Amino acid sequence: MKILVINAGSSSLKYQLIDMENEKSWPRVSVSV
């Protein structure tokens, strides 16, 4: 199972993809506006 975690703030957006089957986590991505 893959989980996409999204955190939307007033001037930024952060997200991370987590693969629960392989216990693998991709790097977090942060975008500022």
Protein backbone atom coordinates (compact mmCIF):
# COMPACT_ATOMS: atom_id res chain seq x y z
CA MET A 1 0.00 0.00 0.00
CA LYS A 2 1.29 3.45 -0.93
CA ILE A 3 0.35 6.49 1.14
CA LEU A 4 0.68 10.10 0.01
CA VAL A 5 0.97 12.57 2.90
CA ILE A 6 0.17 16.20 2.04
CA ASN A 7 0.59 19.22 4.34
CA ALA A 8 -0.74 22.46 2.85
CA GLY A 9 0.10 25.63 4.76
CA SER A 10 -0.64 29.27 3.98
CA SER A 11 2.51 29.76 1.90
CA SER A 12 3.96 26.26 1.50
CA LEU A 13 3.09 22.76 0.34
CA LYS A 14 4.89 19.67 1.63
CA TYR A 15 4.33 16.10 0.54
CA GLN A 16 5.89 12.67 0.98
CA LEU A 17 5.18 9.27 -0.55
CA ILE A 18 5.41 6.22 1.75
CA ASP A 19 5.36 2.59 0.57
CA MET A 20 4.12 0.47 3.50
CA GLU A 21 4.72 -2.91 1.79
CA ASN A 22 8.47 -2.35 1.38
CA GLU A 23 8.79 0.00 4.39
CA LYS A 24 10.29 2.53 1.99
CA SER A 25 9.98 6.29 2.18
CA TRP A 26 10.79 8.71 -0.61
CA PRO A 27 12.35 12.10 0.20
CA ARG A 28 10.04 14.85 1.39
CA VAL A 29 9.30 17.63 -1.06
CA SER A 30 8.65 21.21 0.03
CA VAL A 31 7.35 23.98 -2.25
CA SER A 32 7.13 27.59 -1.03
CA VAL A 33 5.01 30.23 -2.74
